[in-house]
Every structure is written in C-alpha cells, then in structure tokens.
Amino acid sequence: MEQQVRERFEAMRLALEKEEQAVLCSLEQEQRENSSRMMRLLNDWNQHLKLVRKHIGTVRALQDRGAESRQQVSPGNFSCHKKQDAAELAIGPNDGNFQKLMKVLGKISKDLHVRLQKKSLLLDSTVVVIDRTACHRQIKVTTSGRGFYVSPDDSSAPSHPLQFDQTCCALGSPAISSGRRYWEVDVHCCSSWAVGVAYGSLHRKGQDKSTKLGRNRLSWSLEFRDGRLSVWHNDWHLTLSARAAPDKVGVLVNYQKGRVAFYDADAMKLLQDFSTSCTSVFERAHHQFTEPVFPAFRFFRARDRPPVPDHMEICDLGL
C-alpha cells in the first residue's frame, strides 16, 4: 500500500517537474532570442557611432579651413539621425505572456492546494440519496435520488407518516452512527436553502421550531436566506462573514467526536465547525450525538413564485 501511494506521488512530482522544465526552457529560449537581438542592435549602434565620428572629423577639418569652406557644404551631408529599428521594440520579455503565465500557474497552484486539502475528506465520502418517504409532499426527487426540487403540485405524491407536512424539509440516507462521513450539495440553483444534519426523531408535523433545521436541539444547519449566510443549532445562530453563498456545500460528520463541519466545497474553506472548538455562542449547545444523524435539507418558500423551481443536487463524489 505504501509503495502504491509513493508511486502516485512520484508520478505527480514527475509531471510537475516536466512542466516546470518546459516552461523554463521556453523562458531560456526567449532570453536567447533577446540576447541575439541585443547583439544585432549593438552592432548597428557601433556602425552608427563610427559614422558620427567620421562626420565630426569632417566638420572639424572644415572648421580649420575657414568660414568660406563651411558655406560650401550643405548641413544635410552630415545628418547623423538614426531611425529606430523595430528590433529595439522587440527586445525584452513579453510582459503580456509573462503575466498570463503567472496567472495560469497561480490558478493551477490554487486548484492543487484545494484538491490536496480535499483528499482526506474524499476518503470519507459517502453516497447520499434523498429518502422519498421522509420529505415534504411538494419536494420531487429525481430518479437518481440525488436531485430534488420544489413543485407546486403535490397531488401525485403518496402520503407517508414520516413526511414533513408543512415545513419544506427532506432527510437523506444513510443514517450515520459511527465514523467520519462527508458529502457535498450543489445549491447554486436554489435562492434560499438550508443544509445540515438531523436526528431521525426530528418532528415532521406542524410548522413550529421543532420541525425546522437548526431551530432545535435535534438538528444543525448552514442556511442562506435573505442574502445572509448563517449557521444554526438549538435556535441559536451565527451570521457568517462570507461575501456570497457558496455554490457547493461540503458537510463533514465525525460521529464519535460529535462534530459537524460545513465547507465551501469549491474553495475548500471551512465555514463553521460545530465541535469542542465552537464559538461561545454554541459552547453550551455542544454535546455528543445520542442517536444516528441523517443528511437534512430545507427549501424556504419564496414570497413570489420563481420562474424556475428551486433545485438542489447531492454531488456525485465517486472516485
């Protein structure tokens, strides 16, 4: 196993070294071309300098002969103006290409950093699907079980005792009762949403706080609503300083440690960690899990019906 890991990292190192060598060779070639242009330009200036010195000598000789001789000579015969050579403009590094190169390398470096950060989470990735028996009647689930959206029509939805009857929530599977589990949710097609985890004992009937993610002791959530990103548990909340809502939310559960962490999955930035290192707002609410937790989701009802139904999708992290 160790040998296979070493081989994978060695392959990445070789690929990076090969690319580095190619870029450095390109820069060296550009430097050689600039040096060649510089040498040609210096030769041209040396020739021009010889011509100038020759004219100076001629002028001095005329001065020695007197004013009469000077009047017979046209000043145009001694023009020393040198036209600018196009080669002069071509000397030096191509700043435009260099800036593009640095931007590309910066993006590659950032992407690589994000991927390396995410690798340990992906090792704990789990396949999450929506439980059709544990979601509101207006939440429609795609055939894959990963996509779900709000439909105004609930006439065809079968009734089930575990459904949410008024709060537009859905629970996913599997139940998490041990170890570490990670999944991601694409929320960029949803105007207002909540993503988190909840105990199976979360209330499903009515619309009081006992049915809403983060508004009780049975659930934890990251929420985007009215342009603000916040985290909720036990009806306590903390508004986050993020400038915009993430397009994808990563959720990590460490069951033994009673930990729930939310990430901006694209930037791999930790948004909030419900754990022993919580902020003072949540310290009193921290406790070990006492029963299995389930992936949980909520749509907030829009005041005006959007032209396209709000949609969320659990990402396929298959490796």
C-alpha atoms as a PDB file:
ATOM      1  CA  MET A   1       0.000   0.000   0.000  1.00  0.00           C
ATOM      2  CA  GLU A   2       2.760   2.439   0.935  1.00  0.00           C
ATOM      3  CA  GLN A   3       4.548   1.663  -2.321  1.00  0.00           C
ATOM      4  CA  GLN A   4       1.422   2.440  -4.355  1.00  0.00           C
ATOM      5  CA  VAL A   5       0.983   5.780  -2.574  1.00  0.00           C
ATOM      6  CA  ARG A   6       4.638   6.647  -3.202  1.00  0.00           C
ATOM      7  CA  GLU A   7       4.245   5.764  -6.887  1.00  0.00           C
ATOM      8  CA  ARG A   8       1.217   8.064  -7.245  1.00  0.00           C
ATOM      9  CA  PHE A   9       3.005  11.000  -5.597  1.00  0.00           C
ATOM     10  CA  GLU A  10       6.134  10.277  -7.632  1.00  0.00           C
ATOM     11  CA  ALA A  11       4.062  10.395 -10.840  1.00  0.00           C
ATOM     12  CA  MET A  12       2.675  13.797  -9.797  1.00  0.00           C
ATOM     13  CA  ARG A  13       6.155  15.074  -8.976  1.00  0.00           C
ATOM     14  CA  LEU A  14       7.481  13.914 -12.349  1.00  0.00           C
ATOM     15  CA  ALA A  15       4.590  15.603 -14.175  1.00  0.00           C
ATOM     16  CA  LEU A  16       5.223  18.873 -12.310  1.00  0.00           C
ATOM     17  CA  GLU A  17       8.972  18.683 -12.948  1.00  0.00           C
ATOM     18  CA  LYS A  18       8.381  18.017 -16.653  1.00  0.00           C
ATOM     19  CA  GLU A  19       6.049  21.004 -16.915  1.00  0.00           C
ATOM     20  CA  GLU A  20       8.470  23.189 -14.956  1.00  0.00           C
ATOM     21  CA  GLN A  21      11.298  22.201 -17.316  1.00  0.00           C
ATOM     22  CA  ALA A  22       9.188  23.021 -20.362  1.00  0.00           C
ATOM     23  CA  VAL A  23       8.305  26.495 -19.017  1.00  0.00           C
ATOM     24  CA  LEU A  24      11.914  27.218 -18.025  1.00  0.00           C
ATOM     25  CA  CYS A  25      13.134  26.097 -21.460  1.00  0.00           C
ATOM     26  CA  SER A  26      10.625  28.463 -23.063  1.00  0.00           C
ATOM     27  CA  LEU A  27      11.898  31.348 -20.911  1.00  0.00           C
ATOM     28  CA  GLU A  28      15.511  30.489 -21.734  1.00  0.00           C
ATOM     29  CA  GLN A  29      14.707  30.434 -25.467  1.00  0.00           C
ATOM     30  CA  GLU A  30      13.111  33.873 -25.146  1.00  0.00           C
ATOM     31  CA  GLN A  31      16.214  35.130 -23.314  1.00  0.00           C
ATOM     32  CA  ARG A  32      18.477  33.772 -26.076  1.00  0.00           C
ATOM     33  CA  GLU A  33      16.375  35.479 -28.738  1.00  0.00           C
ATOM     34  CA  ASN A  34      16.508  38.749 -26.792  1.00  0.00           C
ATOM     35  CA  SER A  35      20.290  38.411 -26.436  1.00  0.00           C
ATOM     36  CA  SER A  36      20.628  37.854 -30.186  1.00  0.00           C
ATOM     37  CA  ARG A  37      18.503  40.937 -30.903  1.00  0.00           C
ATOM     38  CA  MET A  38      20.591  42.925 -28.451  1.00  0.00           C
ATOM     39  CA  MET A  39      23.847  41.913 -30.168  1.00  0.00           C
ATOM     40  CA  ARG A  40      22.496  42.921 -33.584  1.00  0.00           C
ATOM     41  CA  LEU A  41      21.318  46.218 -32.150  1.00  0.00           C
ATOM     42  CA  LEU A  42      24.708  46.902 -30.547  1.00  0.00           C
ATOM     43  CA  ASN A  43      26.425  46.234 -33.874  1.00  0.00           C
ATOM     44  CA  ASP A  44      24.072  48.685 -35.594  1.00  0.00           C
ATOM     45  CA  TRP A  45      24.821  51.351 -32.982  1.00  0.00           C
ATOM     46  CA  ASN A  46      28.549  50.753 -33.305  1.00  0.00           C
ATOM     47  CA  GLN A  47      28.290  51.309 -37.056  1.00  0.00           C
ATOM     48  CA  HIS A  48      26.265  54.445 -36.429  1.00  0.00           C
ATOM     49  CA  LEU A  49      28.821  55.641 -33.903  1.00  0.00           C
ATOM     50  CA  LYS A  50      31.626  55.226 -36.461  1.00  0.00           C
ATOM     51  CA  LEU A  51      29.605  57.278 -38.935  1.00  0.00           C
ATOM     52  CA  VAL A  52      29.041  60.028 -36.362  1.00  0.00           C
ATOM     53  CA  ARG A  53      32.738  60.158 -35.524  1.00  0.00           C
ATOM     54  CA  LYS A  54      33.582  60.374 -39.233  1.00  0.00           C
ATOM     55  CA  HIS A  55      31.212  63.340 -39.651  1.00  0.00           C
ATOM     56  CA  ILE A  56      32.700  65.029 -36.592  1.00  0.00           C
ATOM     57  CA  GLY A  57      36.154  64.689 -38.099  1.00  0.00           C
ATOM     58  CA  THR A  58      34.951  66.162 -41.380  1.00  0.00           C
ATOM     59  CA  VAL A  59      33.315  69.106 -39.615  1.00  0.00           C
ATOM     60  CA  ARG A  60      36.483  69.843 -37.649  1.00  0.00           C
ATOM     61  CA  ALA A  61      38.556  69.747 -40.834  1.00  0.00           C
ATOM     62  CA  LEU A  62      36.231  72.249 -42.463  1.00  0.00           C
ATOM     63  CA  GLN A  63      36.446  74.483 -39.423  1.00  0.00           C
ATOM     64  CA  ASP A  64      40.200  74.505 -39.809  1.00  0.00           C
ATOM     65  CA  ARG A  65      39.917  75.609 -43.454  1.00  0.00           C
ATOM     66  CA  GLY A  66      37.825  78.606 -42.616  1.00  0.00           C
ATOM     67  CA  ALA A  67      34.342  80.018 -42.984  1.00  0.00           C
ATOM     68  CA  GLU A  68      34.326  80.026 -46.795  1.00  0.00           C
ATOM     69  CA  SER A  69      34.686  76.267 -46.985  1.00  0.00           C
ATOM     70  CA  ARG A  70      31.950  75.781 -44.421  1.00  0.00           C
ATOM     71  CA  GLN A  71      29.476  77.787 -46.544  1.00  0.00           C
ATOM     72  CA  GLN A  72      30.006  75.432 -49.472  1.00  0.00           C
ATOM     73  CA  VAL A  73      28.910  72.368 -47.531  1.00  0.00           C
ATOM     74  CA  SER A  74      25.227  71.509 -47.043  1.00  0.00           C
ATOM     75  CA  PRO A  75      24.252  70.576 -43.432  1.00  0.00           C
ATOM     76  CA  GLY A  76      22.280  67.659 -44.871  1.00  0.00           C
ATOM     77  CA  ASN A  77      25.505  65.962 -45.820  1.00  0.00           C
ATOM     78  CA  PHE A  78      26.270  65.464 -42.147  1.00  0.00           C
ATOM     79  CA  SER A  79      22.896  64.168 -40.879  1.00  0.00           C
ATOM     80  CA  CYS A  80      23.530  61.714 -38.035  1.00  0.00           C
ATOM     81  CA  HIS A  81      19.894  60.869 -37.267  1.00  0.00           C
ATOM     82  CA  LYS A  82      19.336  57.138 -36.802  1.00  0.00           C
ATOM     83  CA  LYS A  83      15.900  55.698 -37.416  1.00  0.00           C
ATOM     84  CA  GLN A  84      14.518  53.480 -34.688  1.00  0.00           C
ATOM     85  CA  ASP A  85      14.831  49.830 -35.582  1.00  0.00           C
ATOM     86  CA  ALA A  86      11.839  47.535 -34.996  1.00  0.00           C
ATOM     87  CA  ALA A  87      14.252  45.155 -33.283  1.00  0.00           C
ATOM     88  CA  GLU A  88      14.661  47.688 -30.477  1.00  0.00           C
ATOM     89  CA  LEU A  89      10.980  47.425 -29.639  1.00  0.00           C
ATOM     90  CA  ALA A  90      11.126  43.632 -29.613  1.00  0.00           C
ATOM     91  CA  ILE A  91      13.881  43.466 -27.007  1.00  0.00           C
ATOM     92  CA  GLY A  92      12.813  42.489 -23.533  1.00  0.00           C
ATOM     93  CA  PRO A  93      10.401  39.965 -22.030  1.00  0.00           C
ATOM     94  CA  ASN A  94       6.878  39.661 -23.350  1.00  0.00           C
ATOM     95  CA  ASP A  95       5.094  41.164 -20.364  1.00  0.00           C
ATOM     96  CA  GLY A  96       1.659  40.121 -21.608  1.00  0.00           C
ATOM     97  CA  ASN A  97       2.597  36.453 -21.953  1.00  0.00           C
ATOM     98  CA  PHE A  98       4.509  36.508 -18.681  1.00  0.00           C
ATOM     99  CA  GLN A  99       1.506  37.884 -16.781  1.00  0.00           C
ATOM    100  CA  LYS A 100      -0.727  35.236 -18.389  1.00  0.00           C
ATOM    101  CA  LEU A 101       1.775  32.557 -17.396  1.00  0.00           C
ATOM    102  CA  MET A 102       1.819  33.744 -13.780  1.00  0.00           C
ATOM    103  CA  LYS A 103      -1.995  33.801 -13.651  1.00  0.00           C
ATOM    104  CA  VAL A 104      -2.219  30.280 -15.073  1.00  0.00           C
ATOM    105  CA  LEU A 105       0.398  28.985 -12.629  1.00  0.00           C
ATOM    106  CA  GLY A 106      -1.389  30.738  -9.764  1.00  0.00           C
ATOM    107  CA  LYS A 107      -4.694  29.087 -10.699  1.00  0.00           C
ATOM    108  CA  ILE A 108      -3.058  25.676 -11.035  1.00  0.00           C
ATOM    109  CA  SER A 109      -1.363  26.137  -7.650  1.00  0.00           C
ATOM    110  CA  LYS A 110      -4.649  27.150  -6.023  1.00  0.00           C
ATOM    111  CA  ASP A 111      -6.543  24.232  -7.587  1.00  0.00           C
ATOM    112  CA  LEU A 112      -3.834  21.814  -6.492  1.00  0.00           C
ATOM    113  CA  HIS A 113      -3.923  23.201  -2.958  1.00  0.00           C
ATOM    114  CA  VAL A 114      -7.710  22.778  -2.834  1.00  0.00           C
ATOM    115  CA  ARG A 115      -7.504  19.220  -4.156  1.00  0.00           C
ATOM    116  CA  LEU A 116      -4.834  18.270  -1.637  1.00  0.00           C
ATOM    117  CA  GLN A 117      -6.952  19.736   1.162  1.00  0.00           C
ATOM    118  CA  LYS A 118      -9.994  17.832  -0.048  1.00  0.00           C
ATOM    119  CA  LYS A 119      -8.273  14.460  -0.443  1.00  0.00           C
ATOM    120  CA  SER A 120      -8.683  13.473   3.233  1.00  0.00           C
ATOM    121  CA  LEU A 121     -12.371  14.415   3.101  1.00  0.00           C
ATOM    122  CA  LEU A 122     -12.928  12.429  -0.084  1.00  0.00           C
ATOM    123  CA  LEU A 123     -11.554   9.369   1.675  1.00  0.00           C
ATOM    124  CA  ASP A 124     -14.578   9.695   3.988  1.00  0.00           C
ATOM    125  CA  SER A 125     -17.064  10.422   1.183  1.00  0.00           C
ATOM    126  CA  THR A 126     -20.369   8.619   1.361  1.00  0.00           C
ATOM    127  CA  VAL A 127     -23.199   8.183  -1.156  1.00  0.00           C
ATOM    128  CA  VAL A 128     -26.208  10.213  -0.015  1.00  0.00           C
ATOM    129  CA  VAL A 129     -29.664   9.979  -1.566  1.00  0.00           C
ATOM    130  CA  ILE A 130     -32.982  11.546  -0.633  1.00  0.00           C
ATOM    131  CA  ASP A 131     -35.411   9.398   1.304  1.00  0.00           C
ATOM    132  CA  ARG A 132     -38.677   9.824  -0.577  1.00  0.00           C
ATOM    133  CA  THR A 133     -40.671   8.754   2.472  1.00  0.00           C
ATOM    134  CA  ALA A 134     -39.085  11.492   4.623  1.00  0.00           C
ATOM    135  CA  CYS A 135     -39.611  14.657   2.590  1.00  0.00           C
ATOM    136  CA  HIS A 136     -42.387  17.173   2.099  1.00  0.00           C
ATOM    137  CA  ARG A 137     -45.072  16.213  -0.462  1.00  0.00           C
ATOM    138  CA  GLN A 138     -44.070  19.116  -2.760  1.00  0.00           C
ATOM    139  CA  ILE A 139     -40.426  18.015  -2.921  1.00  0.00           C
ATOM    140  CA  LYS A 140     -39.891  15.966  -6.060  1.00  0.00           C
ATOM    141  CA  VAL A 141     -36.890  13.633  -6.269  1.00  0.00           C
ATOM    142  CA  THR A 142     -35.131  12.641  -9.498  1.00  0.00           C
ATOM    143  CA  THR A 143     -34.681   9.007 -10.480  1.00  0.00           C
ATOM    144  CA  SER A 144     -31.063   9.066  -9.273  1.00  0.00           C
ATOM    145  CA  GLY A 145     -32.238  10.068  -5.791  1.00  0.00           C
ATOM    146  CA  ARG A 146     -29.666  12.888  -5.683  1.00  0.00           C
ATOM    147  CA  GLY A 147     -31.566  15.750  -7.334  1.00  0.00           C
ATOM    148  CA  PHE A 148     -34.651  17.284  -5.743  1.00  0.00           C
ATOM    149  CA  TYR A 149     -36.764  20.388  -6.263  1.00  0.00           C
ATOM    150  CA  VAL A 150     -39.960  22.081  -5.105  1.00  0.00           C
ATOM    151  CA  SER A 151     -43.066  21.595  -7.214  1.00  0.00           C
ATOM    152  CA  PRO A 152     -46.330  23.487  -6.645  1.00  0.00           C
ATOM    153  CA  ASP A 153     -48.214  20.287  -7.464  1.00  0.00           C
ATOM    154  CA  ASP A 154     -48.419  17.714  -4.662  1.00  0.00           C
ATOM    155  CA  SER A 155     -51.470  15.809  -5.897  1.00  0.00           C
ATOM    156  CA  SER A 156     -49.468  12.815  -7.108  1.00  0.00           C
ATOM    157  CA  ALA A 157     -47.300  12.480  -4.008  1.00  0.00           C
ATOM    158  CA  PRO A 158     -48.164   9.461  -1.878  1.00  0.00           C
ATOM    159  CA  SER A 159     -48.791  10.090   1.786  1.00  0.00           C
ATOM    160  CA  HIS A 160     -46.394   8.680   4.375  1.00  0.00           C
ATOM    161  CA  PRO A 161     -46.327   9.090   8.168  1.00  0.00           C
ATOM    162  CA  LEU A 162     -42.645  10.189   8.129  1.00  0.00           C
ATOM    163  CA  GLN A 163     -43.260  13.038   5.695  1.00  0.00           C
ATOM    164  CA  PHE A 164     -42.974  16.695   6.684  1.00  0.00           C
ATOM    165  CA  ASP A 165     -46.464  18.018   6.258  1.00  0.00           C
ATOM    166  CA  GLN A 166     -45.820  21.804   6.411  1.00  0.00           C
ATOM    167  CA  THR A 167     -42.102  22.588   6.676  1.00  0.00           C
ATOM    168  CA  CYS A 168     -40.451  22.065   3.286  1.00  0.00           C
ATOM    169  CA  CYS A 169     -37.714  19.712   4.519  1.00  0.00           C
ATOM    170  CA  ALA A 170     -36.204  16.447   3.350  1.00  0.00           C
ATOM    171  CA  LEU A 171     -33.970  13.864   5.005  1.00  0.00           C
ATOM    172  CA  GLY A 172     -31.432  11.705   3.237  1.00  0.00           C
ATOM    173  CA  SER A 173     -29.832   8.365   3.825  1.00  0.00           C
ATOM    174  CA  PRO A 174     -27.809   6.603   5.069  1.00  0.00           C
ATOM    175  CA  ALA A 175     -28.090   7.075   8.807  1.00  0.00           C
ATOM    176  CA  ILE A 176     -24.723   7.947  10.363  1.00  0.00           C
ATOM    177  CA  SER A 177     -23.996   6.217  13.650  1.00  0.00           C
ATOM    178  CA  SER A 178     -20.200   5.857  13.598  1.00  0.00           C
ATOM    179  CA  GLY A 179     -17.012   7.063  11.924  1.00  0.00           C
ATOM    180  CA  ARG A 180     -16.496  10.016   9.601  1.00  0.00           C
ATOM    181  CA  ARG A 181     -18.762  10.807   6.661  1.00  0.00           C
ATOM    182  CA  TYR A 182     -18.505  13.562   4.026  1.00  0.00           C
ATOM    183  CA  TRP A 183     -20.800  14.680   1.209  1.00  0.00           C
ATOM    184  CA  GLU A 184     -21.385  17.754  -0.937  1.00  0.00           C
ATOM    185  CA  VAL A 185     -24.552  19.520  -2.068  1.00  0.00           C
ATOM    186  CA  ASP A 186     -24.853  21.768  -5.120  1.00  0.00           C
ATOM    187  CA  VAL A 187     -27.074  24.704  -4.091  1.00  0.00           C
ATOM    188  CA  HIS A 188     -26.321  27.265  -6.797  1.00  0.00           C
ATOM    189  CA  CYS A 189     -29.774  26.766  -8.394  1.00  0.00           C
ATOM    190  CA  CYS A 190     -31.580  27.473  -5.138  1.00  0.00           C
ATOM    191  CA  SER A 191     -32.400  31.001  -3.973  1.00  0.00           C
ATOM    192  CA  SER A 192     -32.824  30.168  -0.255  1.00  0.00           C
ATOM    193  CA  TRP A 193     -31.787  26.927   1.406  1.00  0.00           C
ATOM    194  CA  ALA A 194     -30.572  25.111   4.497  1.00  0.00           C
ATOM    195  CA  VAL A 195     -28.228  22.109   4.531  1.00  0.00           C
ATOM    196  CA  GLY A 196     -27.250  20.107   7.591  1.00  0.00           C
ATOM    197  CA  VAL A 197     -27.885  17.019   9.673  1.00  0.00           C
ATOM    198  CA  ALA A 198     -30.691  15.971  11.988  1.00  0.00           C
ATOM    199  CA  TYR A 199     -31.714  13.162  14.288  1.00  0.00           C
ATOM    200  CA  GLY A 200     -34.364  10.831  12.968  1.00  0.00           C
ATOM    201  CA  SER A 201     -36.534  11.995  15.872  1.00  0.00           C
ATOM    202  CA  LEU A 202     -36.846  15.488  14.330  1.00  0.00           C
ATOM    203  CA  HIS A 203     -40.535  16.373  14.349  1.00  0.00           C
ATOM    204  CA  ARG A 204     -42.288  16.156  10.976  1.00  0.00           C
ATOM    205  CA  LYS A 205     -45.768  17.547  11.670  1.00  0.00           C
ATOM    206  CA  GLY A 206     -46.707  21.191  12.015  1.00  0.00           C
ATOM    207  CA  GLN A 207     -44.514  24.230  11.396  1.00  0.00           C
ATOM    208  CA  ASP A 208     -43.159  25.171  14.803  1.00  0.00           C
ATOM    209  CA  LYS A 209     -39.433  25.232  15.616  1.00  0.00           C
ATOM    210  CA  SER A 210     -39.326  21.509  16.354  1.00  0.00           C
ATOM    211  CA  THR A 211     -39.693  20.805  12.598  1.00  0.00           C
ATOM    212  CA  LYS A 212     -37.172  23.369  11.309  1.00  0.00           C
ATOM    213  CA  LEU A 213     -33.461  22.701  10.796  1.00  0.00           C
ATOM    214  CA  GLY A 214     -31.266  24.394  13.360  1.00  0.00           C
ATOM    215  CA  ARG A 215     -34.175  25.713  15.420  1.00  0.00           C
ATOM    216  CA  ASN A 216     -33.998  22.858  17.933  1.00  0.00           C
ATOM    217  CA  ARG A 217     -31.551  20.532  19.715  1.00  0.00           C
ATOM    218  CA  LEU A 218     -32.183  17.805  17.141  1.00  0.00           C
ATOM    219  CA  SER A 219     -30.546  19.469  14.120  1.00  0.00           C
ATOM    220  CA  TRP A 220     -27.572  21.516  12.878  1.00  0.00           C
ATOM    221  CA  SER A 221     -27.625  23.587   9.689  1.00  0.00           C
ATOM    222  CA  LEU A 222     -25.916  26.038   7.367  1.00  0.00           C
ATOM    223  CA  GLU A 223     -28.501  28.405   5.943  1.00  0.00           C
ATOM    224  CA  PHE A 224     -28.671  31.007   3.180  1.00  0.00           C
ATOM    225  CA  ARG A 225     -31.694  33.282   3.372  1.00  0.00           C
ATOM    226  CA  ASP A 226     -32.397  36.948   2.566  1.00  0.00           C
ATOM    227  CA  GLY A 227     -28.867  37.325   1.250  1.00  0.00           C
ATOM    228  CA  ARG A 228     -27.232  36.219   4.524  1.00  0.00           C
ATOM    229  CA  LEU A 229     -25.264  33.076   5.322  1.00  0.00           C
ATOM    230  CA  SER A 230     -25.626  31.737   8.860  1.00  0.00           C
ATOM    231  CA  VAL A 231     -25.295  28.596  10.968  1.00  0.00           C
ATOM    232  CA  TRP A 232     -27.973  27.348  13.364  1.00  0.00           C
ATOM    233  CA  HIS A 233     -28.352  24.923  16.254  1.00  0.00           C
ATOM    234  CA  ASN A 234     -30.816  24.832  19.156  1.00  0.00           C
ATOM    235  CA  ASP A 235     -32.342  28.097  17.859  1.00  0.00           C
ATOM    236  CA  TRP A 236     -29.012  29.888  18.282  1.00  0.00           C
ATOM    237  CA  HIS A 237     -27.448  31.315  15.159  1.00  0.00           C
ATOM    238  CA  LEU A 238     -24.254  32.972  13.979  1.00  0.00           C
ATOM    239  CA  THR A 239     -24.124  35.135  10.855  1.00  0.00           C
ATOM    240  CA  LEU A 240     -21.047  34.352   8.777  1.00  0.00           C
ATOM    241  CA  SER A 241     -18.863  36.969   7.116  1.00  0.00           C
ATOM    242  CA  ALA A 242     -18.764  35.229   3.736  1.00  0.00           C
ATOM    243  CA  ARG A 243     -19.329  37.732   0.919  1.00  0.00           C
ATOM    244  CA  ALA A 244     -21.525  35.338  -1.039  1.00  0.00           C
ATOM    245  CA  ALA A 245     -23.197  31.982  -0.647  1.00  0.00           C
ATOM    246  CA  PRO A 246     -21.140  29.000  -1.817  1.00  0.00           C
ATOM    247  CA  ASP A 247     -22.220  27.157  -4.947  1.00  0.00           C
ATOM    248  CA  LYS A 248     -21.454  23.842  -3.260  1.00  0.00           C
ATOM    249  CA  VAL A 249     -21.626  22.989   0.432  1.00  0.00           C
ATOM    250  CA  GLY A 250     -19.470  20.259   1.933  1.00  0.00           C
ATOM    251  CA  VAL A 251     -20.707  18.547   5.109  1.00  0.00           C
ATOM    252  CA  LEU A 252     -18.422  16.520   7.376  1.00  0.00           C
ATOM    253  CA  VAL A 253     -19.717  14.460  10.300  1.00  0.00           C
ATOM    254  CA  ASN A 254     -17.380  12.877  12.842  1.00  0.00           C
ATOM    255  CA  TYR A 255     -19.826  10.860  14.899  1.00  0.00           C
ATOM    256  CA  GLN A 256     -17.513   9.820  17.738  1.00  0.00           C
ATOM    257  CA  LYS A 257     -16.391  13.418  18.308  1.00  0.00           C
ATOM    258  CA  GLY A 258     -19.872  14.910  17.988  1.00  0.00           C
ATOM    259  CA  ARG A 259     -18.610  17.144  15.192  1.00  0.00           C
ATOM    260  CA  VAL A 260     -20.420  18.724  12.230  1.00  0.00           C
ATOM    261  CA  ALA A 261     -18.404  20.951   9.884  1.00  0.00           C
ATOM    262  CA  PHE A 262     -19.569  22.950   6.868  1.00  0.00           C
ATOM    263  CA  TYR A 263     -17.268  23.880   3.960  1.00  0.00           C
ATOM    264  CA  ASP A 264     -17.366  25.974   0.834  1.00  0.00           C
ATOM    265  CA  ALA A 265     -16.617  22.890  -1.256  1.00  0.00           C
ATOM    266  CA  ASP A 266     -15.206  24.759  -4.279  1.00  0.00           C
ATOM    267  CA  ALA A 267     -12.731  26.886  -2.304  1.00  0.00           C
ATOM    268  CA  MET A 268     -12.309  24.200   0.379  1.00  0.00           C
ATOM    269  CA  LYS A 269     -12.853  26.892   3.011  1.00  0.00           C
ATOM    270  CA  LEU A 270     -14.170  25.929   6.440  1.00  0.00           C
ATOM    271  CA  LEU A 271     -17.322  27.967   7.114  1.00  0.00           C
ATOM    272  CA  GLN A 272     -18.292  26.619  10.545  1.00  0.00           C
ATOM    273  CA  ASP A 273     -17.273  23.777  12.814  1.00  0.00           C
ATOM    274  CA  PHE A 274     -19.723  22.583  15.476  1.00  0.00           C
ATOM    275  CA  SER A 275     -17.264  20.951  17.861  1.00  0.00           C
ATOM    276  CA  THR A 276     -15.418  21.487  21.123  1.00  0.00           C
ATOM    277  CA  SER A 277     -13.740  24.460  19.451  1.00  0.00           C
ATOM    278  CA  CYS A 278     -17.045  26.220  18.734  1.00  0.00           C
ATOM    279  CA  THR A 279     -17.532  29.909  19.287  1.00  0.00           C
ATOM    280  CA  SER A 280     -19.029  30.956  22.609  1.00  0.00           C
ATOM    281  CA  VAL A 281     -22.483  31.210  21.012  1.00  0.00           C
ATOM    282  CA  PHE A 282     -22.603  27.417  20.626  1.00  0.00           C
ATOM    283  CA  GLU A 283     -20.444  26.187  23.515  1.00  0.00           C
ATOM    284  CA  ARG A 284     -23.407  25.406  25.769  1.00  0.00           C
ATOM    285  CA  ALA A 285     -25.137  23.602  22.892  1.00  0.00           C
ATOM    286  CA  HIS A 286     -22.226  21.250  22.207  1.00  0.00           C
ATOM    287  CA  HIS A 287     -22.796  17.637  23.106  1.00  0.00           C
ATOM    288  CA  GLN A 288     -22.036  14.149  21.837  1.00  0.00           C
ATOM    289  CA  PHE A 289     -24.500  12.611  19.426  1.00  0.00           C
ATOM    290  CA  THR A 290     -27.021  10.435  21.208  1.00  0.00           C
ATOM    291  CA  GLU A 291     -28.643   8.794  18.164  1.00  0.00           C
ATOM    292  CA  PRO A 292     -27.936   8.371  14.452  1.00  0.00           C
ATOM    293  CA  VAL A 293     -27.956  11.547  12.355  1.00  0.00           C
ATOM    294  CA  PHE A 294     -29.254  11.942   8.804  1.00  0.00           C
ATOM    295  CA  PRO A 295     -28.377  14.363   5.995  1.00  0.00           C
ATOM    296  CA  ALA A 296     -31.022  17.098   6.081  1.00  0.00           C
ATOM    297  CA  PHE A 297     -32.191  19.786   3.650  1.00  0.00           C
ATOM    298  CA  ARG A 298     -34.728  22.599   3.609  1.00  0.00           C
ATOM    299  CA  PHE A 299     -36.239  24.870   0.977  1.00  0.00           C
ATOM    300  CA  PHE A 300     -37.558  28.253   2.096  1.00  0.00           C
ATOM    301  CA  ARG A 301     -40.770  29.264   0.410  1.00  0.00           C
ATOM    302  CA  ALA A 302     -40.350  32.309  -1.832  1.00  0.00           C
ATOM    303  CA  ARG A 303     -42.766  35.215  -1.493  1.00  0.00           C
ATOM    304  CA  ASP A 304     -43.037  35.281  -5.287  1.00  0.00           C
ATOM    305  CA  ARG A 305     -43.021  32.044  -7.230  1.00  0.00           C
ATOM    306  CA  PRO A 306     -39.678  31.846  -9.133  1.00  0.00           C
ATOM    307  CA  PRO A 307     -39.791  31.160 -12.909  1.00  0.00           C
ATOM    308  CA  VAL A 308     -37.641  28.056 -12.353  1.00  0.00           C
ATOM    309  CA  PRO A 309     -38.244  25.815  -9.306  1.00  0.00           C
ATOM    310  CA  ASP A 310     -35.551  25.876  -6.623  1.00  0.00           C
ATOM    311  CA  HIS A 311     -33.314  22.870  -7.080  1.00  0.00           C
ATOM    312  CA  MET A 312     -30.592  21.147  -5.051  1.00  0.00           C
ATOM    313  CA  GLU A 313     -28.444  18.194  -6.001  1.00  0.00           C
ATOM    314  CA  ILE A 314     -26.209  15.918  -3.961  1.00  0.00           C
ATOM    315  CA  CYS A 315     -22.867  15.736  -5.753  1.00  0.00           C
ATOM    316  CA  ASP A 316     -21.506  12.501  -7.125  1.00  0.00           C
ATOM    317  CA  LEU A 317     -18.084  12.134  -5.473  1.00  0.00           C
ATOM    318  CA  GLY A 318     -17.443   8.719  -6.973  1.00  0.00           C
ATOM    319  CA  LEU A 319     -13.689   8.174  -7.238  1.00  0.00           C
END
